[in-house]
Protein backbone atom coordinates (compact mmCIF):
# COMPACT_ATOMS: atom_id res chain seq x y z
CA MET A 1 -37.69 18.33 7.20
CA ASN A 2 -34.79 19.53 9.38
CA LYS A 3 -34.41 15.99 10.77
CA ILE A 4 -33.93 14.60 7.27
CA TYR A 5 -31.20 17.17 6.51
CA LEU A 6 -29.54 16.41 9.82
CA ILE A 7 -29.56 12.66 9.09
CA ILE A 8 -28.17 13.23 5.58
CA LEU A 9 -25.46 15.53 6.99
CA LEU A 10 -24.46 12.99 9.65
CA ALA A 11 -24.42 10.14 7.11
CA SER A 12 -22.25 12.24 4.77
CA LEU A 13 -19.79 12.99 7.57
CA LEU A 14 -19.50 9.29 8.38
CA VAL A 15 -18.79 8.44 4.74
CA VAL A 16 -16.16 11.17 4.46
CA ALA A 17 -14.54 10.09 7.74
CA GLY A 18 -14.38 6.50 6.51
CA CYS A 19 -12.60 7.57 3.32
CA GLY A 20 -9.63 8.76 5.34
CA THR A 21 -8.99 5.38 6.93
CA LYS A 22 -5.69 3.88 5.84
CA GLN A 23 -5.89 0.21 5.00
CA GLN A 24 -3.27 -2.21 6.25
CA GLU A 25 -0.41 -2.45 3.78
CA ASN A 26 0.83 -5.72 2.28
CA THR A 27 -2.41 -7.60 2.69
CA ASP A 28 -3.07 -10.81 0.86
CA GLY A 29 -6.28 -9.40 -0.68
CA ILE A 30 -8.39 -12.29 0.56
CA THR A 31 -8.32 -12.37 4.35
CA GLY A 32 -6.74 -8.95 4.90
CA GLN A 33 -3.85 -10.49 6.82
CA THR A 34 -0.40 -9.03 6.42
CA SER A 35 1.74 -11.00 3.99
CA SER A 36 5.23 -12.01 5.00
CA LYS A 37 8.27 -10.70 3.17
CA THR A 38 11.63 -12.21 2.32
CA TYR A 39 14.83 -10.23 2.85
CA THR A 40 18.35 -11.06 1.67
CA VAL A 41 21.58 -10.71 3.61
CA GLU A 42 24.66 -11.07 1.41
CA ILE A 43 27.86 -12.56 2.72
CA ILE A 44 30.44 -10.54 0.83
CA GLN A 45 34.13 -10.98 -0.02
CA ASP A 46 35.56 -10.10 3.38
CA GLY A 47 33.00 -12.25 5.20
CA SER A 48 30.84 -9.31 6.27
CA PHE A 49 27.05 -9.53 6.37
CA VAL A 50 25.30 -6.86 4.28
CA PRO A 51 23.22 -5.45 5.78
CA ALA A 52 24.79 -6.17 9.14
CA GLU A 53 21.55 -5.22 10.90
CA LEU A 54 18.09 -5.86 9.53
CA THR A 55 14.67 -4.96 10.99
CA ILE A 56 11.78 -7.20 9.90
CA LYS A 57 8.28 -8.19 11.01
CA GLN A 58 7.38 -11.37 12.84
CA GLY A 59 6.84 -14.14 10.26
CA ASP A 60 9.24 -12.64 7.69
CA THR A 61 12.02 -14.72 6.16
CA VAL A 62 15.70 -13.85 5.79
CA THR A 63 17.86 -15.52 3.14
CA TRP A 64 21.64 -15.52 3.54
CA ALA A 65 23.34 -15.59 0.13
CA ASN A 66 27.02 -16.47 0.06
CA LYS A 67 28.76 -14.11 -2.38
CA TRP A 68 32.16 -14.82 -0.82
CA THR A 69 34.87 -17.15 -2.15
CA LYS A 70 34.93 -19.10 1.15
CA ASP A 71 32.28 -21.25 2.81
CA SER A 72 30.16 -19.42 5.40
CA TRP A 73 27.85 -20.86 8.08
CA PRO A 74 25.29 -18.35 9.43
CA ALA A 75 23.90 -19.33 12.83
CA SER A 76 22.29 -17.85 15.92
CA ALA A 77 24.61 -16.40 18.51
CA SER A 78 26.42 -17.35 20.58
CA HIS A 79 29.40 -19.31 19.35
CA PRO A 80 29.73 -22.29 19.48
CA THR A 81 26.32 -23.45 20.78
CA HIS A 82 23.95 -21.31 18.63
CA GLU A 83 21.30 -21.27 21.38
CA VAL A 84 20.26 -17.60 21.64
CA TYR A 85 17.26 -17.83 19.27
CA PRO A 86 14.49 -19.75 21.11
CA GLY A 87 14.57 -23.48 20.41
CA SER A 88 17.87 -23.32 18.54
CA GLY A 89 21.04 -25.25 19.26
CA ILE A 90 23.81 -26.75 17.16
CA GLU A 91 23.03 -30.18 18.63
CA LYS A 92 19.73 -30.10 16.69
CA CYS A 93 21.53 -30.08 13.33
CA ASP A 94 20.95 -33.31 11.41
CA THR A 95 17.85 -34.12 13.50
CA SER A 96 14.12 -33.80 12.85
CA GLU A 97 14.26 -30.41 14.64
CA GLN A 98 16.74 -28.84 12.20
CA SER A 99 14.14 -27.00 10.10
CA GLY A 100 13.01 -24.99 13.15
CA ILE A 101 16.36 -23.67 14.32
CA PHE A 102 18.24 -20.51 13.40
CA ASP A 103 21.26 -22.38 12.07
CA ALA A 104 22.28 -23.29 8.51
CA CYS A 105 23.87 -26.44 10.04
CA LYS A 106 26.54 -26.44 7.34
CA GLY A 107 28.89 -24.19 5.48
CA LEU A 108 27.24 -22.52 2.51
CA LYS A 109 29.51 -22.88 -0.50
CA PRO A 110 30.05 -19.82 -2.71
CA GLY A 111 26.78 -19.17 -4.56
CA GLU A 112 24.62 -21.14 -2.10
CA SER A 113 21.96 -19.65 0.14
CA TRP A 114 19.93 -20.59 3.21
CA SER A 115 16.66 -19.15 4.56
CA PHE A 116 15.07 -18.88 7.98
CA THR A 117 11.63 -17.58 9.00
CA PHE A 118 11.60 -15.56 12.23
CA ASN A 119 8.52 -16.30 14.31
CA GLU A 120 9.87 -14.90 17.59
CA LYS A 121 10.01 -11.16 18.31
CA GLY A 122 13.27 -9.82 19.65
CA SER A 123 16.81 -8.85 18.71
CA TRP A 124 18.68 -11.88 17.39
CA GLY A 125 22.44 -11.77 16.97
CA TYR A 126 24.15 -14.20 14.64
CA HIS A 127 27.66 -15.07 13.48
CA ASP A 128 29.60 -17.06 10.91
CA HIS A 129 30.35 -20.36 12.66
CA LEU A 130 33.19 -21.28 10.26
CA ASN A 131 34.97 -17.95 10.41
CA PHE A 132 34.61 -17.16 14.12
CA PRO A 133 35.76 -14.88 15.60
CA GLY A 134 34.89 -12.62 12.80
CA LYS A 135 31.76 -11.16 11.43
CA PHE A 136 28.46 -10.68 13.23
CA GLY A 137 24.99 -9.53 12.29
CA LYS A 138 21.65 -8.85 13.91
CA VAL A 139 18.03 -9.42 12.92
CA ILE A 140 15.49 -7.34 14.84
CA VAL A 141 12.01 -8.85 14.70
CA GLU A 142 9.11 -6.51 15.49
């Protein structure tokens, strides 16, 4: 009889211990994989990026929204080559590789936006190619 109580006690402890496990947040509900998020960086009236520094997860997307009265061209550092983010480079604009580079490849007119998905971990500086030297930002990908 004592063995039965001991087994019931151990089983109860395992159930209670399992209840305290925190599930992964932002899962897709089907596979349990973390869903990606989209963040917005606004380009405001003085050409600043808001927020100037943003920390995201690998696979997340950042959208630059031009709220300024001038055109703005967000692109990977460093000016003028835009080669800091892996695989990027201004020479890839207007080619079949354009969709994979951290470069808008054109000035965003007021009200326009451009998005990029960060698949590489690291700290990625960027600038406004049209208004250089000027404003800079950073996306930190964890």
